[in-house]
Amino acid sequence: MTAGYLIVLLKLRKIFDILFAKVITMVNFAYYDSKIGIIKIGVSNGAVCEIKFTDNRGKSVPSELSDTAFKEISEYLDGKRKAFDFKITPSGTDFQKRVWTELCKIPYGETRTYGEIAAFLDNPKAARAVGNACNKNPILIAVPCHRVLGADGSLTGFAAGIKIKEYLLKLENSAVQPI
């Protein structure tokens, strides 16, 4: 093989890798009206990769999975469901994923503090990093970052707003300090 031929192959490989990566990471979003606002659900590769609250609707591409996820979220909001059965694949750093896995272990109706989550991760000084990971949680409600409180038990930040966090905690009958 000549050097020119190898360079062409390497460039083609790079183009293929870029195109292939875009196909793998394609996300379809669907928008649903819930009792607490518009919910945007992202689905990619057979799993839910995003659940967010939004004020704006984009192009909606519902699927069987996004419909199922919304049905389960609606049941949760109606007090008829305590856990979710749909598959999730949150995208984040290794540390964020460890935090989100730990959040999923918090039982319905219970809360933890950022410091407690850090301690469960064998990193007791990482409470602030846990808070940052909660803030980056792409799958609200199903990955229950709303169940995490400040060290004094107070409601702290929530991507969808403190009022929704308070609503979700009251729905689960958690002991919630008023805002």
Foldseek 3Di string as FASTA:
>chain_A
DDPVVVVVVVVVVVVVVVVVVCQQPDWAWAWDQAPVAIWIWIDGPQATAAIDGDPDDDDHDDDPLNVQVVVQVNCLLVLNDFADDTHYDYDDDPVLVLLLVLLLPAGQLAAEELQVSCVVVVRNVCSVVSVVSQLVTRYDPNSDSLRYDHPVQARDDHNRDSVVSVSSNVSSVHDYDDD
